[in-house]
Structure formats: C-alpha cells, structure tokens
Amino acid sequence: MSEKNNIDKDREEKEAMPIGTILETLDQLIKKLEEPSLPLEEGMRLYKEGVELTRLCAGRLDAMEQKMLEIGEDGTYREFQG
C-alpha cells in the first residue's frame, strides 16, 4: 500500500473516532510527550498527531454547537446562538 493510501486510511480512522476516544488518545499522547527519554523525532510525530486530533475534536464540537437547540421563553426550539 502506498504512503498516500496509508495517510488517507489513518485520516479516515481518526475522523471515525468518537470524541471521547479522541480525548483519551490526546491524554495518552500528552503522557508520552512528558517522558524525558522520548526521542525528538518521536516527540515531533506525537505532537503532530495531537494537533490533528485537537483540530478534529474542535471541528466536531463547533459542528455540534451549530446543531444545538435552545428552548425559548415561549417553549419553542430555535437554533443555539452562542
């Protein structure tokens, strides 16, 4: 399999992850990055992965916020206006 296909597959897998799993993965990445014996190259790879996951999570949260509804004083629902 080519490197591009591997990258696309990895991206698809990340995009399918539930937000809770993304947050758990980010927590694990942070713990690994805090290890003093971590090689620089590995640290850079983990950092890049963390940035990608953070952006993915933020995008999902933004999309959810757009879909949220709030109940008005009259009891009707309307789109949430942050």
PDB file of N, CA and C in Angstrom:
ATOM      1  N   MET A   1       0.850  -1.175   0.000  1.00  0.00           N
ATOM      2  CA  MET A   1       0.000   0.000   0.000  1.00  0.00           C
ATOM      3  C   MET A   1       0.893   1.235   0.000  1.00  0.00           C
ATOM      4  N   SER A   2       0.533   2.249  -0.767  1.00  0.00           N
ATOM      5  CA  SER A   2       1.362   3.441  -0.867  1.00  0.00           C
ATOM      6  C   SER A   2       1.220   4.302   0.390  1.00  0.00           C
ATOM      7  N   GLU A   3       2.179   5.212   0.553  1.00  0.00           N
ATOM      8  CA  GLU A   3       2.166   6.087   1.724  1.00  0.00           C
ATOM      9  C   GLU A   3       0.914   6.964   1.737  1.00  0.00           C
ATOM     10  N   LYS A   4       0.485   7.446   0.548  1.00  0.00           N
ATOM     11  CA  LYS A   4      -0.721   8.274   0.463  1.00  0.00           C
ATOM     12  C   LYS A   4      -1.941   7.495   0.924  1.00  0.00           C
ATOM     13  N   ASN A   5      -2.052   6.232   0.524  1.00  0.00           N
ATOM     14  CA  ASN A   5      -3.176   5.408   0.952  1.00  0.00           C
ATOM     15  C   ASN A   5      -3.158   5.191   2.458  1.00  0.00           C
ATOM     16  N   ASN A   6      -1.967   5.007   3.022  1.00  0.00           N
ATOM     17  CA  ASN A   6      -1.839   4.841   4.474  1.00  0.00           C
ATOM     18  C   ASN A   6      -2.278   6.113   5.203  1.00  0.00           C
ATOM     19  N   ILE A   7      -1.885   7.267   4.673  1.00  0.00           N
ATOM     20  CA  ILE A   7      -2.260   8.548   5.275  1.00  0.00           C
ATOM     21  C   ILE A   7      -3.762   8.740   5.194  1.00  0.00           C
ATOM     22  N   ASP A   8      -4.357   8.448   4.031  1.00  0.00           N
ATOM     23  CA  ASP A   8      -5.805   8.577   3.876  1.00  0.00           C
ATOM     24  C   ASP A   8      -6.544   7.636   4.818  1.00  0.00           C
ATOM     25  N   LYS A   9      -6.063   6.407   4.955  1.00  0.00           N
ATOM     26  CA  LYS A   9      -6.696   5.428   5.843  1.00  0.00           C
ATOM     27  C   LYS A   9      -6.602   5.900   7.287  1.00  0.00           C
ATOM     28  N   ASP A  10      -5.428   6.416   7.686  1.00  0.00           N
ATOM     29  CA  ASP A  10      -5.235   6.914   9.041  1.00  0.00           C
ATOM     30  C   ASP A  10      -6.180   8.083   9.309  1.00  0.00           C
ATOM     31  N   ARG A  11      -6.324   8.983   8.346  1.00  0.00           N
ATOM     32  CA  ARG A  11      -7.211  10.143   8.498  1.00  0.00           C
ATOM     33  C   ARG A  11      -8.665   9.689   8.642  1.00  0.00           C
ATOM     34  N   GLU A  12      -9.077   8.707   7.826  1.00  0.00           N
ATOM     35  CA  GLU A  12     -10.442   8.181   7.903  1.00  0.00           C
ATOM     36  C   GLU A  12     -10.703   7.542   9.266  1.00  0.00           C
ATOM     37  N   GLU A  13      -9.722   6.812   9.784  1.00  0.00           N
ATOM     38  CA  GLU A  13      -9.873   6.182  11.095  1.00  0.00           C
ATOM     39  C   GLU A  13     -10.022   7.238  12.189  1.00  0.00           C
ATOM     40  N   LYS A  14      -9.236   8.297  12.107  1.00  0.00           N
ATOM     41  CA  LYS A  14      -9.325   9.361  13.104  1.00  0.00           C
ATOM     42  C   LYS A  14     -10.674  10.063  13.021  1.00  0.00           C
ATOM     43  N   GLU A  15     -11.149  10.325  11.809  1.00  0.00           N
ATOM     44  CA  GLU A  15     -12.419  11.017  11.644  1.00  0.00           C
ATOM     45  C   GLU A  15     -13.594  10.181  12.144  1.00  0.00           C
ATOM     46  N   ALA A  16     -13.437   8.870  12.190  1.00  0.00           N
ATOM     47  CA  ALA A  16     -14.499   7.988  12.669  1.00  0.00           C
ATOM     48  C   ALA A  16     -14.476   7.831  14.191  1.00  0.00           C
ATOM     49  N   MET A  17     -13.429   8.325  14.851  1.00  0.00           N
ATOM     50  CA  MET A  17     -13.299   8.169  16.296  1.00  0.00           C
ATOM     51  C   MET A  17     -14.330   9.017  17.032  1.00  0.00           C
ATOM     52  N   PRO A  18     -14.971   8.450  18.059  1.00  0.00           N
ATOM     53  CA  PRO A  18     -15.848   9.266  18.911  1.00  0.00           C
ATOM     54  C   PRO A  18     -15.018  10.316  19.658  1.00  0.00           C
ATOM     55  N   ILE A  19     -15.643  11.407  20.040  1.00  0.00           N
ATOM     56  CA  ILE A  19     -14.924  12.480  20.732  1.00  0.00           C
ATOM     57  C   ILE A  19     -14.268  11.971  22.012  1.00  0.00           C
ATOM     58  N   GLY A  20     -14.955  11.107  22.740  1.00  0.00           N
ATOM     59  CA  GLY A  20     -14.373  10.559  23.973  1.00  0.00           C
ATOM     60  C   GLY A  20     -13.076   9.817  23.705  1.00  0.00           C
ATOM     61  N   THR A  21     -13.038   9.072  22.621  1.00  0.00           N
ATOM     62  CA  THR A  21     -11.826   8.338  22.247  1.00  0.00           C
ATOM     63  C   THR A  21     -10.720   9.306  21.845  1.00  0.00           C
ATOM     64  N   ILE A  22     -11.096  10.364  21.141  1.00  0.00           N
ATOM     65  CA  ILE A  22     -10.103  11.378  20.755  1.00  0.00           C
ATOM     66  C   ILE A  22      -9.482  11.995  22.005  1.00  0.00           C
ATOM     67  N   LEU A  23     -10.318  12.328  22.975  1.00  0.00           N
ATOM     68  CA  LEU A  23      -9.804  12.942  24.205  1.00  0.00           C
ATOM     69  C   LEU A  23      -8.907  11.978  24.976  1.00  0.00           C
ATOM     70  N   GLU A  24      -9.271  10.707  25.021  1.00  0.00           N
ATOM     71  CA  GLU A  24      -8.430   9.702  25.682  1.00  0.00           C
ATOM     72  C   GLU A  24      -7.088   9.569  24.961  1.00  0.00           C
ATOM     73  N   THR A  25      -7.125   9.573  23.637  1.00  0.00           N
ATOM     74  CA  THR A  25      -5.899   9.470  22.848  1.00  0.00           C
ATOM     75  C   THR A  25      -5.010  10.680  23.091  1.00  0.00           C
ATOM     76  N   LEU A  26      -5.621  11.862  23.139  1.00  0.00           N
ATOM     77  CA  LEU A  26      -4.848  13.079  23.426  1.00  0.00           C
ATOM     78  C   LEU A  26      -4.194  12.996  24.801  1.00  0.00           C
ATOM     79  N   ASP A  27      -4.905  12.469  25.778  1.00  0.00           N
ATOM     80  CA  ASP A  27      -4.346  12.303  27.121  1.00  0.00           C
ATOM     81  C   ASP A  27      -3.135  11.368  27.095  1.00  0.00           C
ATOM     82  N   GLN A  28      -3.255  10.275  26.350  1.00  0.00           N
ATOM     83  CA  GLN A  28      -2.136   9.331  26.223  1.00  0.00           C
ATOM     84  C   GLN A  28      -0.945   9.980  25.519  1.00  0.00           C
ATOM     85  N   LEU A  29      -1.226  10.785  24.481  1.00  0.00           N
ATOM     86  CA  LEU A  29      -0.141  11.468  23.770  1.00  0.00           C
ATOM     87  C   LEU A  29       0.596  12.426  24.699  1.00  0.00           C
ATOM     88  N   ILE A  30      -0.162  13.140  25.522  1.00  0.00           N
ATOM     89  CA  ILE A  30       0.460  14.080  26.459  1.00  0.00           C
ATOM     90  C   ILE A  30       1.390  13.345  27.423  1.00  0.00           C
ATOM     91  N   LYS A  31       0.926  12.218  27.941  1.00  0.00           N
ATOM     92  CA  LYS A  31       1.754  11.441  28.871  1.00  0.00           C
ATOM     93  C   LYS A  31       3.047  10.980  28.195  1.00  0.00           C
ATOM     94  N   LYS A  32       2.941  10.547  26.935  1.00  0.00           N
ATOM     95  CA  LYS A  32       4.143  10.120  26.207  1.00  0.00           C
ATOM     96  C   LYS A  32       5.080  11.295  25.962  1.00  0.00           C
ATOM     97  N   LEU A  33       4.504  12.460  25.622  1.00  0.00           N
ATOM     98  CA  LEU A  33       5.329  13.638  25.357  1.00  0.00           C
ATOM     99  C   LEU A  33       6.052  14.127  26.611  1.00  0.00           C
ATOM    100  N   GLU A  34       5.522  13.817  27.773  1.00  0.00           N
ATOM    101  CA  GLU A  34       6.142  14.237  29.023  1.00  0.00           C
ATOM    102  C   GLU A  34       7.301  13.347  29.445  1.00  0.00           C
ATOM    103  N   GLU A  35       7.498  12.224  28.758  1.00  0.00           N
ATOM    104  CA  GLU A  35       8.595  11.321  29.091  1.00  0.00           C
ATOM    105  C   GLU A  35       9.931  11.960  28.707  1.00  0.00           C
ATOM    106  N   PRO A  36      10.853  12.091  29.662  1.00  0.00           N
ATOM    107  CA  PRO A  36      12.125  12.760  29.373  1.00  0.00           C
ATOM    108  C   PRO A  36      13.002  12.014  28.362  1.00  0.00           C
ATOM    109  N   SER A  37      12.837  10.702  28.252  1.00  0.00           N
ATOM    110  CA  SER A  37      13.695   9.937  27.344  1.00  0.00           C
ATOM    111  C   SER A  37      13.121   9.815  25.925  1.00  0.00           C
ATOM    112  N   LEU A  38      12.033  10.512  25.650  1.00  0.00           N
ATOM    113  CA  LEU A  38      11.394  10.437  24.331  1.00  0.00           C
ATOM    114  C   LEU A  38      12.310  11.044  23.264  1.00  0.00           C
ATOM    115  N   PRO A  39      12.618  10.295  22.209  1.00  0.00           N
ATOM    116  CA  PRO A  39      13.440  10.854  21.130  1.00  0.00           C
ATOM    117  C   PRO A  39      12.723  12.026  20.448  1.00  0.00           C
ATOM    118  N   LEU A  40      13.486  12.982  19.992  1.00  0.00           N
ATOM    119  CA  LEU A  40      12.945  14.187  19.371  1.00  0.00           C
ATOM    120  C   LEU A  40      12.025  13.864  18.201  1.00  0.00           C
ATOM    121  N   GLU A  41      12.444  12.945  17.333  1.00  0.00           N
ATOM    122  CA  GLU A  41      11.639  12.601  16.158  1.00  0.00           C
ATOM    123  C   GLU A  41      10.278  12.039  16.566  1.00  0.00           C
ATOM    124  N   GLU A  42      10.285  11.193  17.584  1.00  0.00           N
ATOM    125  CA  GLU A  42       9.033  10.611  18.087  1.00  0.00           C
ATOM    126  C   GLU A  42       8.170  11.698  18.724  1.00  0.00           C
ATOM    127  N   GLY A  43       8.793  12.600  19.428  1.00  0.00           N
ATOM    128  CA  GLY A  43       8.064  13.712  20.035  1.00  0.00           C
ATOM    129  C   GLY A  43       7.394  14.581  18.988  1.00  0.00           C
ATOM    130  N   MET A  44       8.102  14.849  17.920  1.00  0.00           N
ATOM    131  CA  MET A  44       7.520  15.655  16.834  1.00  0.00           C
ATOM    132  C   MET A  44       6.347  14.930  16.174  1.00  0.00           C
ATOM    133  N   ARG A  45       6.482  13.615  15.988  1.00  0.00           N
ATOM    134  CA  ARG A  45       5.402  12.838  15.389  1.00  0.00           C
ATOM    135  C   ARG A  45       4.166  12.848  16.289  1.00  0.00           C
ATOM    136  N   LEU A  46       4.384  12.638  17.593  1.00  0.00           N
ATOM    137  CA  LEU A  46       3.276  12.647  18.545  1.00  0.00           C
ATOM    138  C   LEU A  46       2.629  14.021  18.634  1.00  0.00           C
ATOM    139  N   TYR A  47       3.449  15.067  18.592  1.00  0.00           N
ATOM    140  CA  TYR A  47       2.923  16.433  18.633  1.00  0.00           C
ATOM    141  C   TYR A  47       2.034  16.683  17.421  1.00  0.00           C
ATOM    142  N   LYS A  48       2.499  16.286  16.235  1.00  0.00           N
ATOM    143  CA  LYS A  48       1.723  16.480  15.014  1.00  0.00           C
ATOM    144  C   LYS A  48       0.392  15.727  15.102  1.00  0.00           C
ATOM    145  N   GLU A  49       0.439  14.497  15.600  1.00  0.00           N
ATOM    146  CA  GLU A  49      -0.783  13.714  15.755  1.00  0.00           C
ATOM    147  C   GLU A  49      -1.742  14.400  16.732  1.00  0.00           C
ATOM    148  N   GLY A  50      -1.202  14.946  17.803  1.00  0.00           N
ATOM    149  CA  GLY A  50      -2.025  15.653  18.781  1.00  0.00           C
ATOM    150  C   GLY A  50      -2.695  16.880  18.199  1.00  0.00           C
ATOM    151  N   VAL A  51      -1.963  17.626  17.384  1.00  0.00           N
ATOM    152  CA  VAL A  51      -2.531  18.816  16.739  1.00  0.00           C
ATOM    153  C   VAL A  51      -3.668  18.401  15.804  1.00  0.00           C
ATOM    154  N   GLU A  52      -3.459  17.339  15.035  1.00  0.00           N
ATOM    155  CA  GLU A  52      -4.509  16.860  14.121  1.00  0.00           C
ATOM    156  C   GLU A  52      -5.759  16.448  14.893  1.00  0.00           C
ATOM    157  N   LEU A  53      -5.565  15.714  15.989  1.00  0.00           N
ATOM    158  CA  LEU A  53      -6.707  15.274  16.790  1.00  0.00           C
ATOM    159  C   LEU A  53      -7.411  16.452  17.459  1.00  0.00           C
ATOM    160  N   THR A  54      -6.646  17.430  17.912  1.00  0.00           N
ATOM    161  CA  THR A  54      -7.228  18.620  18.534  1.00  0.00           C
ATOM    162  C   THR A  54      -8.083  19.382  17.534  1.00  0.00           C
ATOM    163  N   ARG A  55      -7.588  19.541  16.323  1.00  0.00           N
ATOM    164  CA  ARG A  55      -8.359  20.235  15.281  1.00  0.00           C
ATOM    165  C   ARG A  55      -9.628  19.466  14.928  1.00  0.00           C
ATOM    166  N   LEU A  56      -9.506  18.152  14.844  1.00  0.00           N
ATOM    167  CA  LEU A  56     -10.663  17.314  14.537  1.00  0.00           C
ATOM    168  C   LEU A  56     -11.717  17.451  15.630  1.00  0.00           C
ATOM    169  N   CYS A  57     -11.293  17.386  16.873  1.00  0.00           N
ATOM    170  CA  CYS A  57     -12.206  17.495  18.008  1.00  0.00           C
ATOM    171  C   CYS A  57     -12.861  18.877  18.030  1.00  0.00           C
ATOM    172  N   ALA A  58     -12.085  19.924  17.827  1.00  0.00           N
ATOM    173  CA  ALA A  58     -12.623  21.290  17.824  1.00  0.00           C
ATOM    174  C   ALA A  58     -13.651  21.461  16.709  1.00  0.00           C
ATOM    175  N   GLY A  59     -13.358  20.905  15.551  1.00  0.00           N
ATOM    176  CA  GLY A  59     -14.302  20.993  14.442  1.00  0.00           C
ATOM    177  C   GLY A  59     -15.608  20.290  14.759  1.00  0.00           C
ATOM    178  N   ARG A  60     -15.505  19.135  15.385  1.00  0.00           N
ATOM    179  CA  ARG A  60     -16.727  18.401  15.761  1.00  0.00           C
ATOM    180  C   ARG A  60     -17.526  19.168  16.800  1.00  0.00           C
ATOM    181  N   LEU A  61     -16.839  19.734  17.776  1.00  0.00           N
ATOM    182  CA  LEU A  61     -17.533  20.498  18.807  1.00  0.00           C
ATOM    183  C   LEU A  61     -18.208  21.735  18.208  1.00  0.00           C
ATOM    184  N   ASP A  62     -17.539  22.390  17.274  1.00  0.00           N
ATOM    185  CA  ASP A  62     -18.145  23.537  16.595  1.00  0.00           C
ATOM    186  C   ASP A  62     -19.403  23.113  15.839  1.00  0.00           C
ATOM    187  N   ALA A  63     -19.328  21.977  15.155  1.00  0.00           N
ATOM    188  CA  ALA A  63     -20.483  21.476  14.405  1.00  0.00           C
ATOM    189  C   ALA A  63     -21.637  21.140  15.350  1.00  0.00           C
ATOM    190  N   MET A  64     -21.315  20.545  16.497  1.00  0.00           N
ATOM    191  CA  MET A  64     -22.359  20.218  17.475  1.00  0.00           C
ATOM    192  C   MET A  64     -23.010  21.477  18.017  1.00  0.00           C
ATOM    193  N   GLU A  65     -22.192  22.479  18.265  1.00  0.00           N
ATOM    194  CA  GLU A  65     -22.730  23.735  18.784  1.00  0.00           C
ATOM    195  C   GLU A  65     -23.715  24.340  17.798  1.00  0.00           C
ATOM    196  N   GLN A  66     -23.407  24.247  16.518  1.00  0.00           N
ATOM    197  CA  GLN A  66     -24.299  24.772  15.491  1.00  0.00           C
ATOM    198  C   GLN A  66     -25.637  24.045  15.481  1.00  0.00           C
ATOM    199  N   LYS A  67     -25.617  22.765  15.853  1.00  0.00           N
ATOM    200  CA  LYS A  67     -26.833  21.956  15.814  1.00  0.00           C
ATOM    201  C   LYS A  67     -27.647  22.039  17.097  1.00  0.00           C
ATOM    202  N   MET A  68     -27.020  22.552  18.141  1.00  0.00           N
ATOM    203  CA  MET A  68     -27.715  22.602  19.426  1.00  0.00           C
ATOM    204  C   MET A  68     -28.947  23.481  19.324  1.00  0.00           C
ATOM    205  N   LEU A  69     -29.926  23.105  20.076  1.00  0.00           N
ATOM    206  CA  LEU A  69     -31.147  23.895  20.136  1.00  0.00           C
ATOM    207  C   LEU A  69     -31.297  24.452  21.541  1.00  0.00           C
ATOM    208  N   GLU A  70     -31.932  25.587  21.614  1.00  0.00           N
ATOM    209  CA  GLU A  70     -32.252  26.113  22.932  1.00  0.00           C
ATOM    210  C   GLU A  70     -33.755  26.351  22.985  1.00  0.00           C
ATOM    211  N   ILE A  71     -34.275  26.252  24.165  1.00  0.00           N
ATOM    212  CA  ILE A  71     -35.704  26.450  24.349  1.00  0.00           C
ATOM    213  C   ILE A  71     -35.938  27.919  24.678  1.00  0.00           C
ATOM    214  N   GLY A  72     -36.791  28.539  23.896  1.00  0.00           N
ATOM    215  CA  GLY A  72     -37.124  29.939  24.118  1.00  0.00           C
ATOM    216  C   GLY A  72     -38.112  30.088  25.262  1.00  0.00           C
ATOM    217  N   GLU A  73     -38.336  31.328  25.667  1.00  0.00           N
ATOM    218  CA  GLU A  73     -39.265  31.603  26.757  1.00  0.00           C
ATOM    219  C   GLU A  73     -40.674  31.112  26.444  1.00  0.00           C
ATOM    220  N   ASP A  74     -41.007  31.063  25.158  1.00  0.00           N
ATOM    221  CA  ASP A  74     -42.344  30.618  24.769  1.00  0.00           C
ATOM    222  C   ASP A  74     -42.430  29.096  24.619  1.00  0.00           C
ATOM    223  N   GLY A  75     -41.354  28.382  24.954  1.00  0.00           N
ATOM    224  CA  GLY A  75     -41.357  26.927  24.897  1.00  0.00           C
ATOM    225  C   GLY A  75     -41.015  26.342  23.548  1.00  0.00           C
ATOM    226  N   THR A  76     -40.689  27.182  22.579  1.00  0.00           N
ATOM    227  CA  THR A  76     -40.322  26.684  21.254  1.00  0.00           C
ATOM    228  C   THR A  76     -38.815  26.505  21.160  1.00  0.00           C
ATOM    229  N   TYR A  77     -38.407  25.680  20.229  1.00  0.00           N
ATOM    230  CA  TYR A  77     -36.986  25.431  19.999  1.00  0.00           C
ATOM    231  C   TYR A  77     -36.486  26.323  18.873  1.00  0.00           C
ATOM    232  N   ARG A  78     -35.274  26.778  19.019  1.00  0.00           N
ATOM    233  CA  ARG A  78     -34.626  27.530  17.941  1.00  0.00           C
ATOM    234  C   ARG A  78     -33.141  27.201  17.977  1.00  0.00           C
ATOM    235  N   GLU A  79     -32.451  27.472  16.896  1.00  0.00           N
ATOM    236  CA  GLU A  79     -31.017  27.206  16.823  1.00  0.00           C
ATOM    237  C   GLU A  79     -30.292  27.985  17.906  1.00  0.00           C
ATOM    238  N   PHE A  80     -29.307  27.332  18.489  1.00  0.00           N
ATOM    239  CA  PHE A  80     -28.481  27.947  19.521  1.00  0.00           C
ATOM    240  C   PHE A  80     -27.685  29.086  18.915  1.00  0.00           C
ATOM    241  N   GLN A  81     -27.697  30.226  19.552  1.00  0.00           N
ATOM    242  CA  GLN A  81     -26.926  31.379  19.099  1.00  0.00           C
ATOM    243  C   GLN A  81     -25.885  31.695  20.168  1.00  0.00           C
ATOM    244  N   GLY A  82     -24.702  31.032  20.045  1.00  0.00           N
ATOM    245  CA  GLY A  82     -23.617  31.163  21.008  1.00  0.00           C
ATOM    246  C   GLY A  82     -23.411  32.530  21.434  1.00  0.00           C
TER     247      GLY A  82
END
